[in-house]
């Protein structure tokens, strides 16, 4: 994921398209499973115009701390690089919407079975 050099230094890098898709799926699934789909959509839609600036600022301020978190630090850095690109924020929004629709359909089927 990240290049780890001596002294716990993590260098942000460009993610491959497969890594981006995997991370988008993980993020979207965890958001919908936790029940925060609607809140996340509201936040992401308002965050979209500032995605590059926000991702770079997060990377700047959190980069001294992230190496101490080990694997979680690598994931955090990858996440910040992911959300720095507006098209990835759009992909996350679309995937959350898809997962919420799937979840709603499952609930409707369960209600029908109960009747």
C-alpha atoms as a PDB file:
ATOM      1  CA  UNK A   1       0.000   0.000   0.000  1.00  0.00           C
ATOM      2  CA  UNK A   2       2.572   2.573   1.095  1.00  0.00           C
ATOM      3  CA  UNK A   3       6.282   2.658   0.840  1.00  0.00           C
ATOM      4  CA  UNK A   4       7.666   2.296   4.357  1.00  0.00           C
ATOM      5  CA  UNK A   5      11.203   3.585   4.785  1.00  0.00           C
ATOM      6  CA  UNK A   6      13.523   3.736   7.746  1.00  0.00           C
ATOM      7  CA  UNK A   7      12.257   5.645  10.742  1.00  0.00           C
ATOM      8  CA  UNK A   8       8.558   4.907  10.144  1.00  0.00           C
ATOM      9  CA  UNK A   9       8.329   7.357   7.252  1.00  0.00           C
ATOM     10  CA  UNK A  10       5.298   6.714   5.045  1.00  0.00           C
ATOM     11  CA  UNK A  11       5.209   8.214   1.591  1.00  0.00           C
ATOM     12  CA  UNK A  12       1.800   8.729  -0.045  1.00  0.00           C
ATOM     13  CA  UNK A  13       1.477   7.152  -3.454  1.00  0.00           C
ATOM     14  CA  UNK A  14      -1.046   6.875  -6.249  1.00  0.00           C
ATOM     15  CA  UNK A  15      -3.391   3.925  -5.801  1.00  0.00           C
ATOM     16  CA  UNK A  16      -4.039   1.494  -8.612  1.00  0.00           C
ATOM     17  CA  UNK A  17      -7.607   1.294  -9.914  1.00  0.00           C
ATOM     18  CA  UNK A  18      -8.045  -2.116  -8.221  1.00  0.00           C
ATOM     19  CA  UNK A  19      -6.905  -0.709  -4.880  1.00  0.00           C
ATOM     20  CA  UNK A  20      -9.220   2.277  -5.282  1.00  0.00           C
ATOM     21  CA  UNK A  21     -12.215   0.033  -6.024  1.00  0.00           C
ATOM     22  CA  UNK A  22     -11.400  -2.221  -3.059  1.00  0.00           C
ATOM     23  CA  UNK A  23     -11.110   0.731  -0.693  1.00  0.00           C
ATOM     24  CA  UNK A  24     -14.306   2.321  -2.044  1.00  0.00           C
ATOM     25  CA  UNK A  25     -16.155  -0.959  -1.468  1.00  0.00           C
ATOM     26  CA  UNK A  26     -14.833  -1.290   2.097  1.00  0.00           C
ATOM     27  CA  UNK A  27     -15.725   2.298   2.975  1.00  0.00           C
ATOM     28  CA  UNK A  28     -19.195   2.155   1.436  1.00  0.00           C
ATOM     29  CA  UNK A  29     -20.058  -1.201   2.976  1.00  0.00           C
ATOM     30  CA  UNK A  30     -18.981  -0.176   6.461  1.00  0.00           C
ATOM     31  CA  UNK A  31     -20.918   3.100   6.237  1.00  0.00           C
ATOM     32  CA  UNK A  32     -24.147   1.404   5.147  1.00  0.00           C
ATOM     33  CA  UNK A  33     -23.803  -1.458   7.671  1.00  0.00           C
ATOM     34  CA  UNK A  34     -23.365   1.044  10.484  1.00  0.00           C
ATOM     35  CA  UNK A  35     -26.562   2.846   9.470  1.00  0.00           C
ATOM     36  CA  UNK A  36     -24.943   6.148   8.541  1.00  0.00           C
ATOM     37  CA  UNK A  37     -25.682   6.024   4.808  1.00  0.00           C
ATOM     38  CA  UNK A  38     -27.863   9.130   4.679  1.00  0.00           C
ATOM     39  CA  UNK A  39     -25.552  11.147   6.916  1.00  0.00           C
ATOM     40  CA  UNK A  40     -22.519  10.085   4.867  1.00  0.00           C
ATOM     41  CA  UNK A  41     -24.244  11.081   1.633  1.00  0.00           C
ATOM     42  CA  UNK A  42     -25.017  14.527   3.028  1.00  0.00           C
ATOM     43  CA  UNK A  43     -21.447  14.972   4.222  1.00  0.00           C
ATOM     44  CA  UNK A  44     -19.837  13.672   1.027  1.00  0.00           C
ATOM     45  CA  UNK A  45     -22.014  15.849  -1.211  1.00  0.00           C
ATOM     46  CA  UNK A  46     -21.007  18.934   0.769  1.00  0.00           C
ATOM     47  CA  UNK A  47     -17.362  17.830   0.904  1.00  0.00           C
ATOM     48  CA  UNK A  48     -17.038  17.145  -2.826  1.00  0.00           C
ATOM     49  CA  UNK A  49     -16.063  20.694  -3.946  1.00  0.00           C
ATOM     50  CA  UNK A  50     -13.225  20.741  -1.413  1.00  0.00           C
ATOM     51  CA  UNK A  51     -12.110  17.128  -1.818  1.00  0.00           C
ATOM     52  CA  UNK A  52      -8.585  17.888  -3.020  1.00  0.00           C
ATOM     53  CA  UNK A  53      -7.892  20.550  -0.413  1.00  0.00           C
ATOM     54  CA  UNK A  54      -9.440  18.472   2.368  1.00  0.00           C
ATOM     55  CA  UNK A  55      -7.529  15.331   1.469  1.00  0.00           C
ATOM     56  CA  UNK A  56      -4.222  17.191   1.242  1.00  0.00           C
ATOM     57  CA  UNK A  57      -4.793  19.023   4.531  1.00  0.00           C
ATOM     58  CA  UNK A  58      -5.667  15.782   6.286  1.00  0.00           C
ATOM     59  CA  UNK A  59      -2.536  14.188   4.867  1.00  0.00           C
ATOM     60  CA  UNK A  60      -0.420  17.134   5.981  1.00  0.00           C
ATOM     61  CA  UNK A  61      -1.738  17.264   9.545  1.00  0.00           C
ATOM     62  CA  UNK A  62      -2.062  13.527  10.178  1.00  0.00           C
ATOM     63  CA  UNK A  63       1.096  12.309   8.433  1.00  0.00           C
ATOM     64  CA  UNK A  64       3.281  12.564  11.578  1.00  0.00           C
ATOM     65  CA  UNK A  65       0.839  10.362  13.506  1.00  0.00           C
ATOM     66  CA  UNK A  66      -0.068   7.748  10.880  1.00  0.00           C
ATOM     67  CA  UNK A  67       3.212   5.758  10.951  1.00  0.00           C
ATOM     68  CA  UNK A  68       2.610   5.022  14.621  1.00  0.00           C
ATOM     69  CA  UNK A  69      -0.654   3.283  13.744  1.00  0.00           C
ATOM     70  CA  UNK A  70       1.019   0.642  11.563  1.00  0.00           C
ATOM     71  CA  UNK A  71      -1.475  -1.006   9.223  1.00  0.00           C
ATOM     72  CA  UNK A  72      -4.177   1.517  10.142  1.00  0.00           C
ATOM     73  CA  UNK A  73      -1.807   4.334   9.269  1.00  0.00           C
ATOM     74  CA  UNK A  74      -1.267   2.894   5.810  1.00  0.00           C
ATOM     75  CA  UNK A  75      -5.012   2.571   5.302  1.00  0.00           C
ATOM     76  CA  UNK A  76      -5.529   6.132   6.530  1.00  0.00           C
ATOM     77  CA  UNK A  77      -2.967   7.512   4.118  1.00  0.00           C
ATOM     78  CA  UNK A  78      -4.516   5.541   1.255  1.00  0.00           C
ATOM     79  CA  UNK A  79      -7.949   6.867   2.233  1.00  0.00           C
ATOM     80  CA  UNK A  80      -6.712  10.452   2.191  1.00  0.00           C
ATOM     81  CA  UNK A  81      -5.172   9.950  -1.243  1.00  0.00           C
ATOM     82  CA  UNK A  82      -8.431   8.354  -2.419  1.00  0.00           C
ATOM     83  CA  UNK A  83     -10.687  11.202  -1.306  1.00  0.00           C
ATOM     84  CA  UNK A  84      -8.324  13.806  -2.743  1.00  0.00           C
ATOM     85  CA  UNK A  85      -9.838  13.053  -6.146  1.00  0.00           C
ATOM     86  CA  UNK A  86     -13.389  14.239  -6.762  1.00  0.00           C
ATOM     87  CA  UNK A  87     -14.269  11.304  -9.046  1.00  0.00           C
ATOM     88  CA  UNK A  88     -13.514   8.906  -6.181  1.00  0.00           C
ATOM     89  CA  UNK A  89     -15.848  10.838  -3.891  1.00  0.00           C
ATOM     90  CA  UNK A  90     -18.523  10.444  -6.599  1.00  0.00           C
ATOM     91  CA  UNK A  91     -17.821   6.691  -6.744  1.00  0.00           C
ATOM     92  CA  UNK A  92     -18.220   6.398  -2.976  1.00  0.00           C
ATOM     93  CA  UNK A  93     -21.502   8.331  -3.102  1.00  0.00           C
ATOM     94  CA  UNK A  94     -22.862   6.142  -5.906  1.00  0.00           C
ATOM     95  CA  UNK A  95     -21.820   2.924  -4.166  1.00  0.00           C
ATOM     96  CA  UNK A  96     -23.441   4.005  -0.899  1.00  0.00           C
ATOM     97  CA  UNK A  97     -26.664   4.750  -2.788  1.00  0.00           C
ATOM     98  CA  UNK A  98     -26.554   1.317  -4.450  1.00  0.00           C
ATOM     99  CA  UNK A  99     -25.976  -0.472  -1.136  1.00  0.00           C
ATOM    100  CA  UNK A 100     -28.772   1.485   0.552  1.00  0.00           C
ATOM    101  CA  UNK A 101     -31.180   0.514  -2.241  1.00  0.00           C
ATOM    102  CA  UNK A 102     -30.161  -3.145  -1.926  1.00  0.00           C
ATOM    103  CA  UNK A 103     -30.685  -2.999   1.829  1.00  0.00           C
ATOM    104  CA  UNK A 104     -34.121  -1.410   1.371  1.00  0.00           C
ATOM    105  CA  UNK A 105     -35.153  -4.146  -1.086  1.00  0.00           C
ATOM    106  CA  UNK A 106     -34.094  -6.825   1.406  1.00  0.00           C
ATOM    107  CA  UNK A 107     -36.227  -5.187   4.100  1.00  0.00           C
ATOM    108  CA  UNK A 108     -39.226  -5.048   1.759  1.00  0.00           C
ATOM    109  CA  UNK A 109     -38.863  -8.760   0.959  1.00  0.00           C
ATOM    110  CA  UNK A 110     -38.722  -9.587   4.659  1.00  0.00           C
ATOM    111  CA  UNK A 111     -41.895  -7.574   5.300  1.00  0.00           C
ATOM    112  CA  UNK A 112     -43.666  -9.426   2.501  1.00  0.00           C
ATOM    113  CA  UNK A 113     -42.658 -12.778   3.940  1.00  0.00           C
ATOM    114  CA  UNK A 114     -44.000 -11.787   7.358  1.00  0.00           C
ATOM    115  CA  UNK A 115     -47.435 -11.021   5.895  1.00  0.00           C
END
